[in-house]
Amino acid sequence: MSLWQASLHGDRDAFQRLLNPHLEELLAAAGRDLRYHCAIGDIRQDEISAEELVGETLLRAWRDRHRRPHSLDIRPWLLGLQFRVLTRIVRQELLRRDLASVSLEAPAPAEPIYDDDESFWEWYQPDETLRWEDIVAVDATAGVEEPELFDRGVPGLSPLARQVLIFRHVHRFTVGEVASSLGLPSRRVSELWLEGHAVLVGTKRDDRGANSD
């Protein structure tokens, strides 16, 4: 029996052995994403640590292990799961702040659609084969690999487009892996990649111009 099959049957030791090779990458990704959300004001620095985020992700991974798509490897599955976990934490914090600022006489807000409902945790199964080479005719990855670019807010770069860029340029995932991890069609991933790449190239050009003055 494989480690994954043993994990599905409730073997926590087998599950831990599967996860151990990916813990360092999960911690690095957690630190990067937390620095980003602190920089744009979504959360405070003392609200959650990288270790706590990874811990939450591993708990979720154990609980939702039966939901992992068969076609998605452990590594992109875990990193996509961590993105979802942090997205939920950030949204809950923003909702808490909104509620704290609302008058007690104001009508109660609607239930949040992202509060751990089934649709939020649904995984997408890509039904088409698309490569990064199909998105652009030339290698346009130069100049966006530096992880520090993703530690801060970049004007015009949406959180989702940022995550597509990270999955591509930092973790080197395929289009199908990014699509499945984020629950998006492959064509939407390509649109986000092109959008994000254009923003980052413009930002780096502006930074070089400012430094030359």
C-alpha atoms as a PDB file:
ATOM      1  CA  MET A   1       0.000   0.000   0.000  1.00  0.00           C
ATOM      2  CA  SER A   2       1.343   3.457  -0.921  1.00  0.00           C
ATOM      3  CA  LEU A   3       1.853   6.179   1.669  1.00  0.00           C
ATOM      4  CA  TRP A   4      -1.070   8.083   0.189  1.00  0.00           C
ATOM      5  CA  GLN A   5      -3.391   5.100   0.304  1.00  0.00           C
ATOM      6  CA  ALA A   6      -2.318   4.453   3.888  1.00  0.00           C
ATOM      7  CA  SER A   7      -3.059   8.099   4.689  1.00  0.00           C
ATOM      8  CA  LEU A   8      -6.536   7.803   3.220  1.00  0.00           C
ATOM      9  CA  HIS A   9      -7.106   4.842   5.515  1.00  0.00           C
ATOM     10  CA  GLY A  10      -6.195   6.949   8.566  1.00  0.00           C
ATOM     11  CA  ASP A  11      -2.432   6.356   8.938  1.00  0.00           C
ATOM     12  CA  ARG A  12      -1.138   9.660  10.339  1.00  0.00           C
ATOM     13  CA  ASP A  13       2.489   8.502  10.297  1.00  0.00           C
ATOM     14  CA  ALA A  14       2.289   7.791   6.572  1.00  0.00           C
ATOM     15  CA  PHE A  15       0.694  11.203   6.024  1.00  0.00           C
ATOM     16  CA  GLN A  16       3.475  12.914   7.983  1.00  0.00           C
ATOM     17  CA  ARG A  17       6.119  11.128   5.909  1.00  0.00           C
ATOM     18  CA  LEU A  18       4.446  12.452   2.759  1.00  0.00           C
ATOM     19  CA  LEU A  19       4.397  16.013   4.079  1.00  0.00           C
ATOM     20  CA  ASN A  20       7.865  16.253   5.613  1.00  0.00           C
ATOM     21  CA  PRO A  21       9.731  16.951   2.316  1.00  0.00           C
ATOM     22  CA  HIS A  22       7.480  19.967   1.685  1.00  0.00           C
ATOM     23  CA  LEU A  23       7.539  21.681   5.081  1.00  0.00           C
ATOM     24  CA  GLU A  24      10.443  24.012   4.293  1.00  0.00           C
ATOM     25  CA  GLU A  25       8.769  25.246   1.109  1.00  0.00           C
ATOM     26  CA  LEU A  26       5.454  25.694   2.930  1.00  0.00           C
ATOM     27  CA  LEU A  27       7.162  27.791   5.618  1.00  0.00           C
ATOM     28  CA  ALA A  28       8.909  29.965   3.037  1.00  0.00           C
ATOM     29  CA  ALA A  29       5.630  30.498   1.172  1.00  0.00           C
ATOM     30  CA  ALA A  30       3.808  31.285   4.419  1.00  0.00           C
ATOM     31  CA  GLY A  31       6.391  33.885   5.393  1.00  0.00           C
ATOM     32  CA  ARG A  32       6.244  35.499   1.957  1.00  0.00           C
ATOM     33  CA  ASP A  33       2.444  35.663   1.914  1.00  0.00           C
ATOM     34  CA  LEU A  34       2.188  36.990   5.455  1.00  0.00           C
ATOM     35  CA  ARG A  35       4.698  39.752   4.692  1.00  0.00           C
ATOM     36  CA  TYR A  36       2.581  40.668   1.668  1.00  0.00           C
ATOM     37  CA  HIS A  37      -0.708  40.816   3.571  1.00  0.00           C
ATOM     38  CA  CYS A  38       0.937  42.833   6.360  1.00  0.00           C
ATOM     39  CA  ALA A  39       2.384  45.240   3.786  1.00  0.00           C
ATOM     40  CA  ILE A  40      -1.026  45.932   2.239  1.00  0.00           C
ATOM     41  CA  GLY A  41      -2.715  46.194   5.645  1.00  0.00           C
ATOM     42  CA  ASP A  42      -4.883  43.067   5.590  1.00  0.00           C
ATOM     43  CA  ILE A  43      -3.453  41.672   8.836  1.00  0.00           C
ATOM     44  CA  ARG A  44      -1.118  42.785  11.599  1.00  0.00           C
ATOM     45  CA  GLN A  45       2.322  41.313  12.049  1.00  0.00           C
ATOM     46  CA  ASP A  46       1.471  39.725  15.394  1.00  0.00           C
ATOM     47  CA  GLU A  47      -1.805  38.088  14.323  1.00  0.00           C
ATOM     48  CA  ILE A  48      -0.428  34.865  12.858  1.00  0.00           C
ATOM     49  CA  SER A  49       3.060  33.439  12.323  1.00  0.00           C
ATOM     50  CA  ALA A  50       4.327  31.414   9.390  1.00  0.00           C
ATOM     51  CA  GLU A  51       4.526  28.360  11.634  1.00  0.00           C
ATOM     52  CA  GLU A  52       0.917  28.803  12.722  1.00  0.00           C
ATOM     53  CA  LEU A  53      -0.247  29.162   9.118  1.00  0.00           C
ATOM     54  CA  VAL A  54       1.583  25.985   8.098  1.00  0.00           C
ATOM     55  CA  GLY A  55       0.084  24.215  11.111  1.00  0.00           C
ATOM     56  CA  GLU A  56      -3.414  25.277  10.054  1.00  0.00           C
ATOM     57  CA  THR A  57      -2.673  24.104   6.523  1.00  0.00           C
ATOM     58  CA  LEU A  58      -1.508  20.663   7.677  1.00  0.00           C
ATOM     59  CA  LEU A  59      -4.600  20.235   9.835  1.00  0.00           C
ATOM     60  CA  ARG A  60      -6.773  21.160   6.873  1.00  0.00           C
ATOM     61  CA  ALA A  61      -4.791  18.822   4.616  1.00  0.00           C
ATOM     62  CA  TRP A  62      -5.409  15.878   6.956  1.00  0.00           C
ATOM     63  CA  ARG A  63      -9.103  16.677   7.269  1.00  0.00           C
ATOM     64  CA  ASP A  64      -9.590  17.219   3.523  1.00  0.00           C
ATOM     65  CA  ARG A  65      -7.177  14.596   2.194  1.00  0.00           C
ATOM     66  CA  HIS A  66     -10.032  12.741   0.484  1.00  0.00           C
ATOM     67  CA  ARG A  67     -10.755  15.869  -1.587  1.00  0.00           C
ATOM     68  CA  ARG A  68      -7.328  16.035  -3.218  1.00  0.00           C
ATOM     69  CA  PRO A  69      -7.720  15.582  -7.009  1.00  0.00           C
ATOM     70  CA  HIS A  70      -6.063  12.414  -8.259  1.00  0.00           C
ATOM     71  CA  SER A  71      -4.244  14.369 -10.966  1.00  0.00           C
ATOM     72  CA  LEU A  72      -2.721  16.909  -8.557  1.00  0.00           C
ATOM     73  CA  ASP A  73       0.577  16.069  -6.853  1.00  0.00           C
ATOM     74  CA  ILE A  74       1.077  16.560  -3.121  1.00  0.00           C
ATOM     75  CA  ARG A  75       3.274  19.659  -3.453  1.00  0.00           C
ATOM     76  CA  PRO A  76       0.928  21.918  -5.496  1.00  0.00           C
ATOM     77  CA  TRP A  77      -2.018  20.553  -3.508  1.00  0.00           C
ATOM     78  CA  LEU A  78      -0.447  21.653  -0.210  1.00  0.00           C
ATOM     79  CA  LEU A  79       0.613  25.068  -1.472  1.00  0.00           C
ATOM     80  CA  GLY A  80      -2.788  25.675  -3.029  1.00  0.00           C
ATOM     81  CA  LEU A  81      -4.419  24.603   0.210  1.00  0.00           C
ATOM     82  CA  GLN A  82      -2.248  27.003   2.184  1.00  0.00           C
ATOM     83  CA  PHE A  83      -3.284  29.842  -0.124  1.00  0.00           C
ATOM     84  CA  ARG A  84      -6.939  28.975   0.528  1.00  0.00           C
ATOM     85  CA  VAL A  85      -6.421  28.782   4.281  1.00  0.00           C
ATOM     86  CA  LEU A  86      -4.719  32.184   4.404  1.00  0.00           C
ATOM     87  CA  THR A  87      -7.362  33.689   2.111  1.00  0.00           C
ATOM     88  CA  ARG A  88     -10.027  32.597   4.569  1.00  0.00           C
ATOM     89  CA  ILE A  89      -8.072  33.968   7.555  1.00  0.00           C
ATOM     90  CA  VAL A  90      -7.600  37.325   5.835  1.00  0.00           C
ATOM     91  CA  ARG A  91     -11.271  37.576   4.859  1.00  0.00           C
ATOM     92  CA  GLN A  92     -12.371  36.736   8.388  1.00  0.00           C
ATOM     93  CA  GLU A  93     -10.081  39.425   9.786  1.00  0.00           C
ATOM     94  CA  LEU A  94     -11.368  42.023   7.335  1.00  0.00           C
ATOM     95  CA  LEU A  95     -14.943  41.051   8.189  1.00  0.00           C
ATOM     96  CA  ARG A  96     -14.163  41.337  11.905  1.00  0.00           C
ATOM     97  CA  ARG A  97     -12.809  44.851  11.384  1.00  0.00           C
ATOM     98  CA  ASP A  98     -15.868  45.826   9.364  1.00  0.00           C
ATOM     99  CA  LEU A  99     -18.186  44.527  12.078  1.00  0.00           C
ATOM    100  CA  ALA A 100     -16.231  46.364  14.759  1.00  0.00           C
ATOM    101  CA  SER A 101     -16.697  49.647  12.894  1.00  0.00           C
ATOM    102  CA  VAL A 102     -20.415  49.222  12.223  1.00  0.00           C
ATOM    103  CA  SER A 103     -22.999  50.783  14.512  1.00  0.00           C
ATOM    104  CA  LEU A 104     -24.891  48.340  16.695  1.00  0.00           C
ATOM    105  CA  GLU A 105     -28.092  49.783  15.235  1.00  0.00           C
ATOM    106  CA  ALA A 106     -27.078  48.913  11.678  1.00  0.00           C
ATOM    107  CA  PRO A 107     -28.646  45.848  10.027  1.00  0.00           C
ATOM    108  CA  ALA A 108     -26.695  42.630  10.394  1.00  0.00           C
ATOM    109  CA  PRO A 109     -24.528  41.763   7.381  1.00  0.00           C
ATOM    110  CA  ALA A 110     -25.279  38.748   5.242  1.00  0.00           C
ATOM    111  CA  GLU A 111     -23.535  35.486   6.003  1.00  0.00           C
ATOM    112  CA  PRO A 112     -20.108  35.435   4.297  1.00  0.00           C
ATOM    113  CA  ILE A 113     -20.043  33.192   1.264  1.00  0.00           C
ATOM    114  CA  TYR A 114     -16.469  32.134   2.005  1.00  0.00           C
ATOM    115  CA  ASP A 115     -17.049  30.807   5.519  1.00  0.00           C
ATOM    116  CA  ASP A 116     -15.729  27.306   4.895  1.00  0.00           C
ATOM    117  CA  ASP A 117     -18.512  26.394   2.516  1.00  0.00           C
ATOM    118  CA  GLU A 118     -18.171  23.586   0.002  1.00  0.00           C
ATOM    119  CA  SER A 119     -17.658  25.873  -2.983  1.00  0.00           C
ATOM    120  CA  PHE A 120     -14.679  27.605  -1.361  1.00  0.00           C
ATOM    121  CA  TRP A 121     -12.852  24.272  -0.996  1.00  0.00           C
ATOM    122  CA  GLU A 122     -13.851  22.816  -4.354  1.00  0.00           C
ATOM    123  CA  TRP A 123     -10.924  21.732  -6.508  1.00  0.00           C
ATOM    124  CA  TYR A 124     -10.911  22.296 -10.254  1.00  0.00           C
ATOM    125  CA  GLN A 125     -10.088  19.464 -12.638  1.00  0.00           C
ATOM    126  CA  PRO A 126      -8.590  21.010 -15.801  1.00  0.00           C
ATOM    127  CA  ASP A 127     -10.227  19.593 -18.907  1.00  0.00           C
ATOM    128  CA  GLU A 128      -7.676  20.917 -21.364  1.00  0.00           C
ATOM    129  CA  THR A 129      -3.941  20.795 -21.867  1.00  0.00           C
ATOM    130  CA  LEU A 130      -2.270  24.175 -21.872  1.00  0.00           C
ATOM    131  CA  ARG A 131       1.414  24.970 -21.522  1.00  0.00           C
ATOM    132  CA  TRP A 132       3.119  28.200 -20.521  1.00  0.00           C
ATOM    133  CA  GLU A 133       4.684  28.151 -23.983  1.00  0.00           C
ATOM    134  CA  ASP A 134       1.174  28.425 -25.415  1.00  0.00           C
ATOM    135  CA  ILE A 135       0.557  31.652 -23.530  1.00  0.00           C
ATOM    136  CA  VAL A 136       3.491  33.621 -24.922  1.00  0.00           C
ATOM    137  CA  ALA A 137       5.674  32.992 -27.940  1.00  0.00           C
ATOM    138  CA  VAL A 138       8.917  33.841 -26.119  1.00  0.00           C
ATOM    139  CA  ASP A 139      10.271  33.280 -22.633  1.00  0.00           C
ATOM    140  CA  ALA A 140       8.989  36.308 -20.757  1.00  0.00           C
ATOM    141  CA  THR A 141      10.005  35.132 -17.296  1.00  0.00           C
ATOM    142  CA  ALA A 142      13.184  37.181 -16.991  1.00  0.00           C
ATOM    143  CA  GLY A 143      13.135  39.758 -14.260  1.00  0.00           C
ATOM    144  CA  VAL A 144      10.230  38.496 -12.172  1.00  0.00           C
ATOM    145  CA  GLU A 145      11.777  35.528 -10.380  1.00  0.00           C
ATOM    146  CA  GLU A 146      13.055  37.486  -7.383  1.00  0.00           C
ATOM    147  CA  PRO A 147      10.897  36.457  -4.385  1.00  0.00           C
ATOM    148  CA  GLU A 148      11.209  39.915  -2.792  1.00  0.00           C
ATOM    149  CA  LEU A 149       8.971  41.287  -5.533  1.00  0.00           C
ATOM    150  CA  PHE A 150       6.112  39.332  -4.008  1.00  0.00           C
ATOM    151  CA  ASP A 151       6.655  40.487  -0.417  1.00  0.00           C
ATOM    152  CA  ARG A 152       5.047  43.875  -0.978  1.00  0.00           C
ATOM    153  CA  GLY A 153       1.933  45.263  -2.539  1.00  0.00           C
ATOM    154  CA  VAL A 154       2.359  46.165  -6.197  1.00  0.00           C
ATOM    155  CA  PRO A 155      -0.135  48.725  -7.552  1.00  0.00           C
ATOM    156  CA  GLY A 156      -2.421  47.096 -10.085  1.00  0.00           C
ATOM    157  CA  LEU A 157      -1.465  43.536  -9.166  1.00  0.00           C
ATOM    158  CA  SER A 158      -4.417  41.620  -7.745  1.00  0.00           C
ATOM    159  CA  PRO A 159      -3.822  38.990  -5.024  1.00  0.00           C
ATOM    160  CA  LEU A 160      -4.976  36.244  -7.399  1.00  0.00           C
ATOM    161  CA  ALA A 161      -2.700  37.346 -10.253  1.00  0.00           C
ATOM    162  CA  ARG A 162       0.138  37.588  -7.735  1.00  0.00           C
ATOM    163  CA  GLN A 163      -0.495  34.003  -6.659  1.00  0.00           C
ATOM    164  CA  VAL A 164      -0.450  32.778 -10.259  1.00  0.00           C
ATOM    165  CA  LEU A 165       2.924  34.475 -10.744  1.00  0.00           C
ATOM    166  CA  ILE A 166       4.283  32.932  -7.548  1.00  0.00           C
ATOM    167  CA  PHE A 167       3.118  29.469  -8.490  1.00  0.00           C
ATOM    168  CA  ARG A 168       4.742  29.871 -11.891  1.00  0.00           C
ATOM    169  CA  HIS A 169       7.962  31.759 -11.172  1.00  0.00           C
ATOM    170  CA  VAL A 170       8.790  30.631  -7.636  1.00  0.00           C
ATOM    171  CA  HIS A 171       7.338  27.118  -7.443  1.00  0.00           C
ATOM    172  CA  ARG A 172       7.547  26.341 -11.187  1.00  0.00           C
ATOM    173  CA  PHE A 173       4.108  24.730 -11.430  1.00  0.00           C
ATOM    174  CA  THR A 174       2.508  23.818 -14.728  1.00  0.00           C
ATOM    175  CA  VAL A 175      -0.596  25.609 -15.966  1.00  0.00           C
ATOM    176  CA  GLY A 176      -2.695  22.582 -14.996  1.00  0.00           C
ATOM    177  CA  GLU A 177      -1.250  22.517 -11.479  1.00  0.00           C
ATOM    178  CA  VAL A 178      -1.921  26.235 -10.999  1.00  0.00           C
ATOM    179  CA  ALA A 179      -5.455  25.854 -12.339  1.00  0.00           C
ATOM    180  CA  SER A 180      -6.288  22.940 -10.079  1.00  0.00           C
ATOM    181  CA  SER A 181      -4.611  24.499  -7.018  1.00  0.00           C
ATOM    182  CA  LEU A 182      -6.540  27.755  -7.372  1.00  0.00           C
ATOM    183  CA  GLY A 183      -9.806  26.251  -8.608  1.00  0.00           C
ATOM    184  CA  LEU A 184      -9.685  28.087 -11.943  1.00  0.00           C
ATOM    185  CA  PRO A 185      -9.993  27.146 -15.621  1.00  0.00           C
ATOM    186  CA  SER A 186      -6.649  27.005 -17.409  1.00  0.00           C
ATOM    187  CA  ARG A 187      -7.589  29.879 -19.712  1.00  0.00           C
ATOM    188  CA  ARG A 188      -8.317  32.086 -16.720  1.00  0.00           C
ATOM    189  CA  VAL A 189      -4.890  31.215 -15.321  1.00  0.00           C
ATOM    190  CA  SER A 190      -3.282  32.326 -18.578  1.00  0.00           C
ATOM    191  CA  GLU A 191      -5.183  35.631 -18.437  1.00  0.00           C
ATOM    192  CA  LEU A 192      -4.032  36.239 -14.861  1.00  0.00           C
ATOM    193  CA  TRP A 193      -0.455  35.359 -15.757  1.00  0.00           C
ATOM    194  CA  LEU A 194      -0.371  37.824 -18.642  1.00  0.00           C
ATOM    195  CA  GLU A 195      -2.029  40.494 -16.509  1.00  0.00           C
ATOM    196  CA  GLY A 196       0.366  40.001 -13.613  1.00  0.00           C
ATOM    197  CA  HIS A 197       3.452  39.769 -15.775  1.00  0.00           C
ATOM    198  CA  ALA A 198       2.638  43.069 -17.499  1.00  0.00           C
ATOM    199  CA  VAL A 199       2.216  44.793 -14.121  1.00  0.00           C
ATOM    200  CA  LEU A 200       5.485  43.445 -12.734  1.00  0.00           C
ATOM    201  CA  VAL A 201       7.484  44.312 -15.834  1.00  0.00           C
ATOM    202  CA  GLY A 202       6.139  47.872 -15.644  1.00  0.00           C
ATOM    203  CA  THR A 203       6.941  48.052 -11.933  1.00  0.00           C
ATOM    204  CA  LYS A 204      10.516  46.897 -12.440  1.00  0.00           C
ATOM    205  CA  ARG A 205      10.936  49.394 -15.277  1.00  0.00           C
ATOM    206  CA  ASP A 206       9.702  52.193 -13.014  1.00  0.00           C
ATOM    207  CA  ASP A 207      12.019  51.046 -10.212  1.00  0.00           C
ATOM    208  CA  ARG A 208      15.018  51.091 -12.546  1.00  0.00           C
ATOM    209  CA  GLY A 209      14.059  54.586 -13.741  1.00  0.00           C
ATOM    210  CA  ALA A 210      13.745  55.858 -10.160  1.00  0.00           C
ATOM    211  CA  ASN A 211      17.109  54.380  -9.188  1.00  0.00           C
ATOM    212  CA  SER A 212      18.846  55.984 -12.153  1.00  0.00           C
ATOM    213  CA  ASP A 213      17.662  59.497 -11.225  1.00  0.00           C
END
